[in-house]
Structures are given as C-alpha cells and as structure tokens.
Amino acid sequence: MNNEPKYVAHRGLSMHAPENTIAAFELAGKSGFWGIECDTYCTTDGRWIVHHDRTVDRMTNGTGKTKDFSFAEIRSLDIVAGNGIGDYPGLQIPTMEEVLDVCLSYGMHAFIEIEEYHQERDQEVLVELVRRAGMLEQSSFICFNANDLLKVRTIDDRVPLGFLSSQSPTAADLELIARLQPAFLDYDYHVTTPEDIRNIRRAGVEVSLWTVNEREISRPFEAAGAAYITTDTILWK
C-alpha cells in the first residue's frame, strides 16, 4: 500500500497568512502543496465567495451573516485579522473563481467545502463555475451535510465528493460513500484512530483527515493509509 498522503493547505497556508485569502492560497502554491481547502458561501445575488465563518465579524471590518451580503457589499469589506495580517494589507474576501485561478497557476487540487447558499440552483452555479474554470478534474466538493453532497452528485456524476464528519466512523458512513461514489470520508483526526483508517481502507474507501499540525500526530495516520492530510502548516519539512 502506498502510504504517502497528499497534503492539503487548510484555508490556504493559514498558519502563515490570513485564512481563505489569495495570499494564503498563493503561499500554499509556492510551498509545494498538492492541494488547498476552502470554504464557500453564495451571496444574495448568486456569486460564490470564499470565507469560513457564518459571519464576517471575526475576519473583517464588517458585521453580519456571510450569506446575507450581496457581492458588492462583501467586496467592500477589508480583511483585518489572521496570521501575518500586518504583512498583507488590502486583502478582500475572494471569489471562488479567483481561488481557482490560483490553483490553476500552481497545479493544485481544490477541496471546496460547501457552507451556505440560498436555493438549489446555487449549487448548479457552483459546479458550473468550477467546470468553466477548467478545474472540475482538479476539485473535490466536501461538506458536513450529506444531502448537499447527494445534490452535487445529481449535477455531476464524476467529481469526487468528501463527507466531512466530526464524529467517530460508523457503518452508515460507508453506506453513504457507496451512494456518493466516487467519494471519500473526511474526519476530524481527534475522533478517529489509525486502526479506523486501516479498516476503512480495507473497505476500499479513501480517508482524509483534518486539521493535523504536528508531524508526530500525522505519522501514524499516514502509516495507516490516510490518503489526504489537511494542515495549517508544512508537515513534510
């Protein structure tokens, strides 16, 4: 078994630049990451943007629920927090298209986490913009909500899907993956063990883990066959 995982920069290289910003994603590309993870919301007027929190309060000079902004309103905000913010003035909440452009520039895969949107059509728009960017074969959609993943599967039958879970692995997880194929399981490493990973791999399913920031924690999971390791830093140095 090939135990070499693919490393995914969590919200970009977010221990070294403000999370979910172009600066963080470019830094991940320059650092040699296989892929990045980003979080997506749809604005009230149908634009997909990249931001983690349900509100803009923590990271910007604005306040309010992320999904309640129009695109113009959310672009008027400044990023004012995050690691290394003093080195990166003038940052804005990026569009999904801008993040995909960075991925294309550096040959990185995109783990696209679906957060909140307004109508089912919004998911079709998201898949289509990834397709138009030429990134559908270099992307995976991930989500905690199984129904959202099932909807994406009806839109496209080939793009990989990842079921996010902060609960210990269950048989129901494997049943869901069988419905979503091609798909993988994506766990908080705190709720799983290397033996869990081995068992899931024996069932023929790939496993991704988040968010692992220490090499000594990563090694046992890598030896067990974890396919992807999401991290805020550079684990392989």
C-alpha atoms as a PDB file:
ATOM      1  CA  MET A   1       0.000   0.000   0.000  1.00  0.00           C
ATOM      2  CA  ASN A   2       1.234   3.484  -0.848  1.00  0.00           C
ATOM      3  CA  ASN A   3       1.295   5.363   2.447  1.00  0.00           C
ATOM      4  CA  GLU A   4       2.348   8.713   1.018  1.00  0.00           C
ATOM      5  CA  PRO A   5      -0.520  11.156   1.660  1.00  0.00           C
ATOM      6  CA  LYS A   6      -1.417  14.223  -0.342  1.00  0.00           C
ATOM      7  CA  TYR A   7      -1.091  17.379   1.767  1.00  0.00           C
ATOM      8  CA  VAL A   8      -3.911  19.941   1.662  1.00  0.00           C
ATOM      9  CA  ALA A   9      -3.422  23.518   2.897  1.00  0.00           C
ATOM     10  CA  HIS A  10      -6.288  24.288   5.298  1.00  0.00           C
ATOM     11  CA  ARG A  11      -7.886  27.567   4.161  1.00  0.00           C
ATOM     12  CA  GLY A  12      -4.599  28.097   2.351  1.00  0.00           C
ATOM     13  CA  LEU A  13      -1.348  28.137   4.290  1.00  0.00           C
ATOM     14  CA  SER A  14      -3.296  29.711   7.132  1.00  0.00           C
ATOM     15  CA  MET A  15      -0.665  29.482   9.859  1.00  0.00           C
ATOM     16  CA  HIS A  16       1.445  31.900   7.816  1.00  0.00           C
ATOM     17  CA  ALA A  17      -1.102  34.181   6.088  1.00  0.00           C
ATOM     18  CA  PRO A  18      -4.723  35.167   6.807  1.00  0.00           C
ATOM     19  CA  GLU A  19      -7.011  32.189   6.152  1.00  0.00           C
ATOM     20  CA  ASN A  20      -9.076  31.876   2.971  1.00  0.00           C
ATOM     21  CA  THR A  21      -7.306  34.775   1.267  1.00  0.00           C
ATOM     22  CA  ILE A  22      -5.491  34.870  -2.039  1.00  0.00           C
ATOM     23  CA  ALA A  23      -2.282  35.464  -0.091  1.00  0.00           C
ATOM     24  CA  ALA A  24      -2.764  32.207   1.850  1.00  0.00           C
ATOM     25  CA  PHE A  25      -3.589  30.201  -1.269  1.00  0.00           C
ATOM     26  CA  GLU A  26      -0.638  31.600  -3.218  1.00  0.00           C
ATOM     27  CA  LEU A  27       1.661  30.833  -0.294  1.00  0.00           C
ATOM     28  CA  ALA A  28       0.385  27.235  -0.338  1.00  0.00           C
ATOM     29  CA  GLY A  29       1.202  27.006  -4.031  1.00  0.00           C
ATOM     30  CA  LYS A  30       4.684  28.440  -3.561  1.00  0.00           C
ATOM     31  CA  SER A  31       5.275  25.977  -0.691  1.00  0.00           C
ATOM     32  CA  GLY A  32       4.532  22.927  -2.846  1.00  0.00           C
ATOM     33  CA  PHE A  33       1.162  21.767  -1.518  1.00  0.00           C
ATOM     34  CA  TRP A  34      -0.752  19.187  -3.545  1.00  0.00           C
ATOM     35  CA  GLY A  35      -3.993  21.000  -2.803  1.00  0.00           C
ATOM     36  CA  ILE A  36      -5.902  23.599  -0.817  1.00  0.00           C
ATOM     37  CA  GLU A  37      -9.133  23.543   1.184  1.00  0.00           C
ATOM     38  CA  CYS A  38     -11.506  26.498   1.037  1.00  0.00           C
ATOM     39  CA  ASP A  39     -14.955  27.347   2.408  1.00  0.00           C
ATOM     40  CA  THR A  40     -17.676  28.740   0.171  1.00  0.00           C
ATOM     41  CA  TYR A  41     -20.839  30.809   0.520  1.00  0.00           C
ATOM     42  CA  CYS A  42     -23.242  32.153  -2.062  1.00  0.00           C
ATOM     43  CA  THR A  43     -24.110  35.854  -1.868  1.00  0.00           C
ATOM     44  CA  THR A  44     -27.691  37.117  -2.108  1.00  0.00           C
ATOM     45  CA  ASP A  45     -27.114  37.863  -5.793  1.00  0.00           C
ATOM     46  CA  GLY A  46     -25.668  34.477  -6.692  1.00  0.00           C
ATOM     47  CA  ARG A  47     -21.876  34.908  -6.505  1.00  0.00           C
ATOM     48  CA  TRP A  48     -19.788  32.253  -4.746  1.00  0.00           C
ATOM     49  CA  ILE A  49     -17.184  33.650  -2.361  1.00  0.00           C
ATOM     50  CA  VAL A  50     -14.566  32.073  -0.092  1.00  0.00           C
ATOM     51  CA  HIS A  51     -14.849  32.635   3.666  1.00  0.00           C
ATOM     52  CA  HIS A  52     -15.066  30.296   6.638  1.00  0.00           C
ATOM     53  CA  ASP A  53     -17.333  31.755   9.317  1.00  0.00           C
ATOM     54  CA  ARG A  54     -21.108  32.066   9.293  1.00  0.00           C
ATOM     55  CA  THR A  55     -20.493  35.780   9.949  1.00  0.00           C
ATOM     56  CA  VAL A  56     -17.893  38.238   8.694  1.00  0.00           C
ATOM     57  CA  ASP A  57     -17.244  39.623  12.194  1.00  0.00           C
ATOM     58  CA  ARG A  58     -14.028  37.771  13.110  1.00  0.00           C
ATOM     59  CA  MET A  59     -12.034  38.356   9.929  1.00  0.00           C
ATOM     60  CA  THR A  60     -13.267  41.671   8.515  1.00  0.00           C
ATOM     61  CA  ASN A  61     -14.165  45.216   9.467  1.00  0.00           C
ATOM     62  CA  GLY A  62     -17.841  44.390   8.905  1.00  0.00           C
ATOM     63  CA  THR A  63     -20.552  42.608  10.811  1.00  0.00           C
ATOM     64  CA  GLY A  64     -23.396  40.290   9.841  1.00  0.00           C
ATOM     65  CA  LYS A  65     -24.173  36.857   8.413  1.00  0.00           C
ATOM     66  CA  THR A  66     -21.950  35.972   5.477  1.00  0.00           C
ATOM     67  CA  LYS A  67     -24.759  34.692   3.263  1.00  0.00           C
ATOM     68  CA  ASP A  68     -26.823  37.857   3.790  1.00  0.00           C
ATOM     69  CA  PHE A  69     -24.414  40.091   1.861  1.00  0.00           C
ATOM     70  CA  SER A  70     -24.618  40.963  -1.808  1.00  0.00           C
ATOM     71  CA  PHE A  71     -21.416  40.536  -3.773  1.00  0.00           C
ATOM     72  CA  ALA A  72     -20.738  44.299  -3.858  1.00  0.00           C
ATOM     73  CA  GLU A  73     -21.291  44.538  -0.107  1.00  0.00           C
ATOM     74  CA  ILE A  74     -18.959  41.694   0.737  1.00  0.00           C
ATOM     75  CA  ARG A  75     -16.257  43.048  -1.582  1.00  0.00           C
ATOM     76  CA  SER A  76     -16.398  46.386   0.211  1.00  0.00           C
ATOM     77  CA  LEU A  77     -15.088  44.742   3.392  1.00  0.00           C
ATOM     78  CA  ASP A  78     -11.427  44.599   4.377  1.00  0.00           C
ATOM     79  CA  ILE A  79      -9.744  41.548   5.924  1.00  0.00           C
ATOM     80  CA  VAL A  80      -8.377  42.856   9.236  1.00  0.00           C
ATOM     81  CA  ALA A  81      -7.437  39.667  11.117  1.00  0.00           C
ATOM     82  CA  GLY A  82      -5.498  36.445  10.654  1.00  0.00           C
ATOM     83  CA  ASN A  83      -1.944  35.186  10.897  1.00  0.00           C
ATOM     84  CA  GLY A  84       0.579  37.604   9.413  1.00  0.00           C
ATOM     85  CA  ILE A  85      -2.091  40.216   8.689  1.00  0.00           C
ATOM     86  CA  GLY A  86       0.479  43.007   9.028  1.00  0.00           C
ATOM     87  CA  ASP A  87       2.333  41.647   6.002  1.00  0.00           C
ATOM     88  CA  TYR A  88      -0.763  41.561   3.787  1.00  0.00           C
ATOM     89  CA  PRO A  89      -2.593  44.900   3.633  1.00  0.00           C
ATOM     90  CA  GLY A  90      -5.605  45.409   1.400  1.00  0.00           C
ATOM     91  CA  LEU A  91      -6.934  41.839   1.412  1.00  0.00           C
ATOM     92  CA  GLN A  92     -10.568  41.181   0.436  1.00  0.00           C
ATOM     93  CA  ILE A  93     -12.825  38.155   0.644  1.00  0.00           C
ATOM     94  CA  PRO A  94     -12.027  36.373  -2.637  1.00  0.00           C
ATOM     95  CA  THR A  95     -14.366  34.903  -5.197  1.00  0.00           C
ATOM     96  CA  MET A  96     -14.364  31.189  -5.926  1.00  0.00           C
ATOM     97  CA  GLU A  97     -13.105  31.997  -9.417  1.00  0.00           C
ATOM     98  CA  GLU A  98     -10.094  33.866  -8.026  1.00  0.00           C
ATOM     99  CA  VAL A  99      -9.175  30.945  -5.786  1.00  0.00           C
ATOM    100  CA  LEU A 100      -9.486  28.502  -8.684  1.00  0.00           C
ATOM    101  CA  ASP A 101      -7.186  30.722 -10.748  1.00  0.00           C
ATOM    102  CA  VAL A 102      -4.525  30.365  -8.045  1.00  0.00           C
ATOM    103  CA  CYS A 103      -4.999  26.599  -8.062  1.00  0.00           C
ATOM    104  CA  LEU A 104      -4.564  26.513 -11.821  1.00  0.00           C
ATOM    105  CA  SER A 105      -1.427  28.650 -11.615  1.00  0.00           C
ATOM    106  CA  TYR A 106       0.240  26.237  -9.197  1.00  0.00           C
ATOM    107  CA  GLY A 107      -1.335  22.958 -10.349  1.00  0.00           C
ATOM    108  CA  MET A 108      -3.135  22.470  -7.049  1.00  0.00           C
ATOM    109  CA  HIS A 109      -6.263  20.438  -6.319  1.00  0.00           C
ATOM    110  CA  ALA A 110      -9.159  22.267  -4.625  1.00  0.00           C
ATOM    111  CA  PHE A 111     -11.153  20.824  -1.727  1.00  0.00           C
ATOM    112  CA  ILE A 112     -14.252  23.039  -1.978  1.00  0.00           C
ATOM    113  CA  GLU A 113     -16.335  22.989   1.198  1.00  0.00           C
ATOM    114  CA  ILE A 114     -19.982  23.917   0.689  1.00  0.00           C
ATOM    115  CA  GLU A 115     -21.185  26.117   3.545  1.00  0.00           C
ATOM    116  CA  GLU A 116     -24.383  28.148   2.963  1.00  0.00           C
ATOM    117  CA  TYR A 117     -26.401  29.170  -0.084  1.00  0.00           C
ATOM    118  CA  HIS A 118     -29.938  30.294  -0.910  1.00  0.00           C
ATOM    119  CA  GLN A 119     -31.524  27.962  -3.463  1.00  0.00           C
ATOM    120  CA  GLU A 120     -30.752  24.654  -5.165  1.00  0.00           C
ATOM    121  CA  ARG A 121     -29.827  26.472  -8.356  1.00  0.00           C
ATOM    122  CA  ASP A 122     -26.879  27.966  -6.474  1.00  0.00           C
ATOM    123  CA  GLN A 123     -25.196  24.560  -6.311  1.00  0.00           C
ATOM    124  CA  GLU A 124     -25.548  24.167 -10.064  1.00  0.00           C
ATOM    125  CA  VAL A 125     -23.879  27.559 -10.476  1.00  0.00           C
ATOM    126  CA  LEU A 126     -21.010  26.454  -8.227  1.00  0.00           C
ATOM    127  CA  VAL A 127     -20.370  23.262 -10.164  1.00  0.00           C
ATOM    128  CA  GLU A 128     -20.620  25.091 -13.466  1.00  0.00           C
ATOM    129  CA  LEU A 129     -18.141  27.809 -12.486  1.00  0.00           C
ATOM    130  CA  VAL A 130     -15.643  25.120 -11.447  1.00  0.00           C
ATOM    131  CA  ARG A 131     -16.214  23.428 -14.795  1.00  0.00           C
ATOM    132  CA  ARG A 132     -15.753  26.695 -16.714  1.00  0.00           C
ATOM    133  CA  ALA A 133     -12.514  27.331 -14.860  1.00  0.00           C
ATOM    134  CA  GLY A 134     -11.190  24.013 -16.156  1.00  0.00           C
ATOM    135  CA  MET A 135     -10.879  22.766 -12.574  1.00  0.00           C
ATOM    136  CA  LEU A 136     -13.560  20.079 -12.341  1.00  0.00           C
ATOM    137  CA  GLU A 137     -10.972  17.302 -12.673  1.00  0.00           C
ATOM    138  CA  GLN A 138      -8.771  19.007 -10.072  1.00  0.00           C
ATOM    139  CA  SER A 139     -11.509  19.590  -7.491  1.00  0.00           C
ATOM    140  CA  SER A 140     -13.475  17.753  -4.819  1.00  0.00           C
ATOM    141  CA  PHE A 141     -16.603  19.051  -3.129  1.00  0.00           C
ATOM    142  CA  ILE A 142     -16.709  18.409   0.618  1.00  0.00           C
ATOM    143  CA  CYS A 143     -19.491  19.012   3.124  1.00  0.00           C
ATOM    144  CA  PHE A 144     -20.864  18.015   6.530  1.00  0.00           C
ATOM    145  CA  ASN A 145     -24.353  17.833   5.013  1.00  0.00           C
ATOM    146  CA  ALA A 146     -24.919  14.541   3.182  1.00  0.00           C
ATOM    147  CA  ASN A 147     -27.935  15.950   1.332  1.00  0.00           C
ATOM    148  CA  ASP A 148     -25.807  18.695  -0.219  1.00  0.00           C
ATOM    149  CA  LEU A 149     -23.354  16.086  -1.460  1.00  0.00           C
ATOM    150  CA  LEU A 150     -26.184  13.997  -2.901  1.00  0.00           C
ATOM    151  CA  LYS A 151     -27.415  17.099  -4.765  1.00  0.00           C
ATOM    152  CA  VAL A 152     -23.946  17.697  -6.225  1.00  0.00           C
ATOM    153  CA  ARG A 153     -23.874  14.084  -7.370  1.00  0.00           C
ATOM    154  CA  THR A 154     -27.080  14.656  -9.369  1.00  0.00           C
ATOM    155  CA  ILE A 155     -25.418  17.668 -11.030  1.00  0.00           C
ATOM    156  CA  ASP A 156     -22.201  15.850 -11.923  1.00  0.00           C
ATOM    157  CA  ASP A 157     -21.604  12.108 -11.762  1.00  0.00           C
ATOM    158  CA  ARG A 158     -17.796  12.160 -11.747  1.00  0.00           C
ATOM    159  CA  VAL A 159     -16.446  14.885  -9.463  1.00  0.00           C
ATOM    160  CA  PRO A 160     -15.101  13.404  -6.185  1.00  0.00           C
ATOM    161  CA  LEU A 161     -17.109  14.130  -3.044  1.00  0.00           C
ATOM    162  CA  GLY A 162     -15.927  14.126   0.563  1.00  0.00           C
ATOM    163  CA  PHE A 163     -18.207  13.597   3.554  1.00  0.00           C
ATOM    164  CA  LEU A 164     -16.945  15.671   6.474  1.00  0.00           C
ATOM    165  CA  SER A 165     -17.532  14.337   9.968  1.00  0.00           C
ATOM    166  CA  SER A 166     -16.553  15.309  13.495  1.00  0.00           C
ATOM    167  CA  GLN A 167     -17.987  12.022  14.801  1.00  0.00           C
ATOM    168  CA  SER A 168     -16.257   8.657  15.083  1.00  0.00           C
ATOM    169  CA  PRO A 169     -16.510   6.454  11.959  1.00  0.00           C
ATOM    170  CA  THR A 170     -19.675   4.385  11.576  1.00  0.00           C
ATOM    171  CA  ALA A 171     -21.050   1.792   9.179  1.00  0.00           C
ATOM    172  CA  ALA A 172     -23.517   4.430   7.990  1.00  0.00           C
ATOM    173  CA  ASP A 173     -20.584   6.496   6.718  1.00  0.00           C
ATOM    174  CA  LEU A 174     -19.537   3.675   4.411  1.00  0.00           C
ATOM    175  CA  GLU A 175     -23.120   3.242   3.221  1.00  0.00           C
ATOM    176  CA  LEU A 176     -23.259   6.938   2.328  1.00  0.00           C
ATOM    177  CA  ILE A 177     -19.980   6.761   0.431  1.00  0.00           C
ATOM    178  CA  ALA A 178     -21.334   3.846  -1.594  1.00  0.00           C
ATOM    179  CA  ARG A 179     -24.159   6.155  -2.748  1.00  0.00           C
ATOM    180  CA  LEU A 180     -21.840   9.056  -3.499  1.00  0.00           C
ATOM    181  CA  GLN A 181     -19.050   7.307  -5.408  1.00  0.00           C
ATOM    182  CA  PRO A 182     -16.523   8.482  -6.358  1.00  0.00           C
ATOM    183  CA  ALA A 183     -16.175   9.714  -2.794  1.00  0.00           C
ATOM    184  CA  PHE A 184     -14.084   9.646   0.361  1.00  0.00           C
ATOM    185  CA  LEU A 185     -14.509  10.156   4.114  1.00  0.00           C
ATOM    186  CA  ASP A 186     -13.063  13.271   5.731  1.00  0.00           C
ATOM    187  CA  TYR A 187     -12.663  13.120   9.525  1.00  0.00           C
ATOM    188  CA  ASP A 188     -11.505  15.330  12.345  1.00  0.00           C
ATOM    189  CA  TYR A 189      -8.418  13.389  13.403  1.00  0.00           C
ATOM    190  CA  HIS A 190      -9.409  13.718  17.075  1.00  0.00           C
ATOM    191  CA  VAL A 191     -12.385  11.345  16.615  1.00  0.00           C
ATOM    192  CA  THR A 192     -10.647   8.581  14.694  1.00  0.00           C
ATOM    193  CA  THR A 193      -7.650   6.269  15.072  1.00  0.00           C
ATOM    194  CA  PRO A 194      -5.076   4.713  12.758  1.00  0.00           C
ATOM    195  CA  GLU A 195      -6.917   1.396  13.159  1.00  0.00           C
ATOM    196  CA  ASP A 196     -10.143   3.071  11.960  1.00  0.00           C
ATOM    197  CA  ILE A 197      -8.244   4.257   8.905  1.00  0.00           C
ATOM    198  CA  ARG A 198      -6.964   0.747   8.189  1.00  0.00           C
ATOM    199  CA  ASN A 199     -10.476  -0.701   8.456  1.00  0.00           C
ATOM    200  CA  ILE A 200     -11.939   1.921   6.130  1.00  0.00           C
ATOM    201  CA  ARG A 201      -9.136   1.385   3.642  1.00  0.00           C
ATOM    202  CA  ARG A 202      -9.825  -2.372   3.706  1.00  0.00           C
ATOM    203  CA  ALA A 203     -13.365  -1.488   2.645  1.00  0.00           C
ATOM    204  CA  GLY A 204     -11.880   0.258  -0.396  1.00  0.00           C
ATOM    205  CA  VAL A 205     -12.617   3.835   0.724  1.00  0.00           C
ATOM    206  CA  GLU A 206     -10.106   6.680   0.909  1.00  0.00           C
ATOM    207  CA  VAL A 207      -9.804   8.761   4.082  1.00  0.00           C
ATOM    208  CA  SER A 208      -8.887  12.398   4.574  1.00  0.00           C
ATOM    209  CA  LEU A 209      -8.037  13.910   7.970  1.00  0.00           C
ATOM    210  CA  TRP A 210      -8.229  17.462   9.354  1.00  0.00           C
ATOM    211  CA  THR A 211      -6.598  19.519  10.804  1.00  0.00           C
ATOM    212  CA  VAL A 212      -3.215  17.947  11.617  1.00  0.00           C
ATOM    213  CA  ASN A 213      -0.476  20.420  12.521  1.00  0.00           C
ATOM    214  CA  GLU A 214       2.154  18.220  14.170  1.00  0.00           C
ATOM    215  CA  ARG A 215       4.371  15.688  12.423  1.00  0.00           C
ATOM    216  CA  GLU A 216       4.267  13.177  15.272  1.00  0.00           C
ATOM    217  CA  ILE A 217       0.461  13.150  15.092  1.00  0.00           C
ATOM    218  CA  SER A 218       0.433  12.804  11.313  1.00  0.00           C
ATOM    219  CA  ARG A 219       2.843   9.859  11.024  1.00  0.00           C
ATOM    220  CA  PRO A 220       0.640   7.057  12.485  1.00  0.00           C
ATOM    221  CA  PHE A 221      -2.284   8.097  10.297  1.00  0.00           C
ATOM    222  CA  GLU A 222      -0.059   8.226   7.234  1.00  0.00           C
ATOM    223  CA  ALA A 223       1.281   4.752   8.029  1.00  0.00           C
ATOM    224  CA  ALA A 224      -2.321   3.528   8.307  1.00  0.00           C
ATOM    225  CA  GLY A 225      -3.029   4.712   4.761  1.00  0.00           C
ATOM    226  CA  ALA A 226      -4.661   8.151   5.076  1.00  0.00           C
ATOM    227  CA  ALA A 227      -4.941   9.496   1.535  1.00  0.00           C
ATOM    228  CA  TYR A 228      -5.129  13.214   2.391  1.00  0.00           C
ATOM    229  CA  ILE A 229      -3.882  15.271   5.337  1.00  0.00           C
ATOM    230  CA  THR A 230      -5.274  18.778   5.772  1.00  0.00           C
ATOM    231  CA  THR A 231      -2.969  21.105   7.690  1.00  0.00           C
ATOM    232  CA  ASP A 232      -2.384  24.753   8.582  1.00  0.00           C
ATOM    233  CA  THR A 233       1.374  24.423   8.203  1.00  0.00           C
ATOM    234  CA  ILE A 234       4.057  22.489   6.288  1.00  0.00           C
ATOM    235  CA  LEU A 235       4.192  18.984   7.736  1.00  0.00           C
ATOM    236  CA  TRP A 236       6.742  17.366   5.459  1.00  0.00           C
ATOM    237  CA  LYS A 237       9.711  19.560   6.388  1.00  0.00           C
END
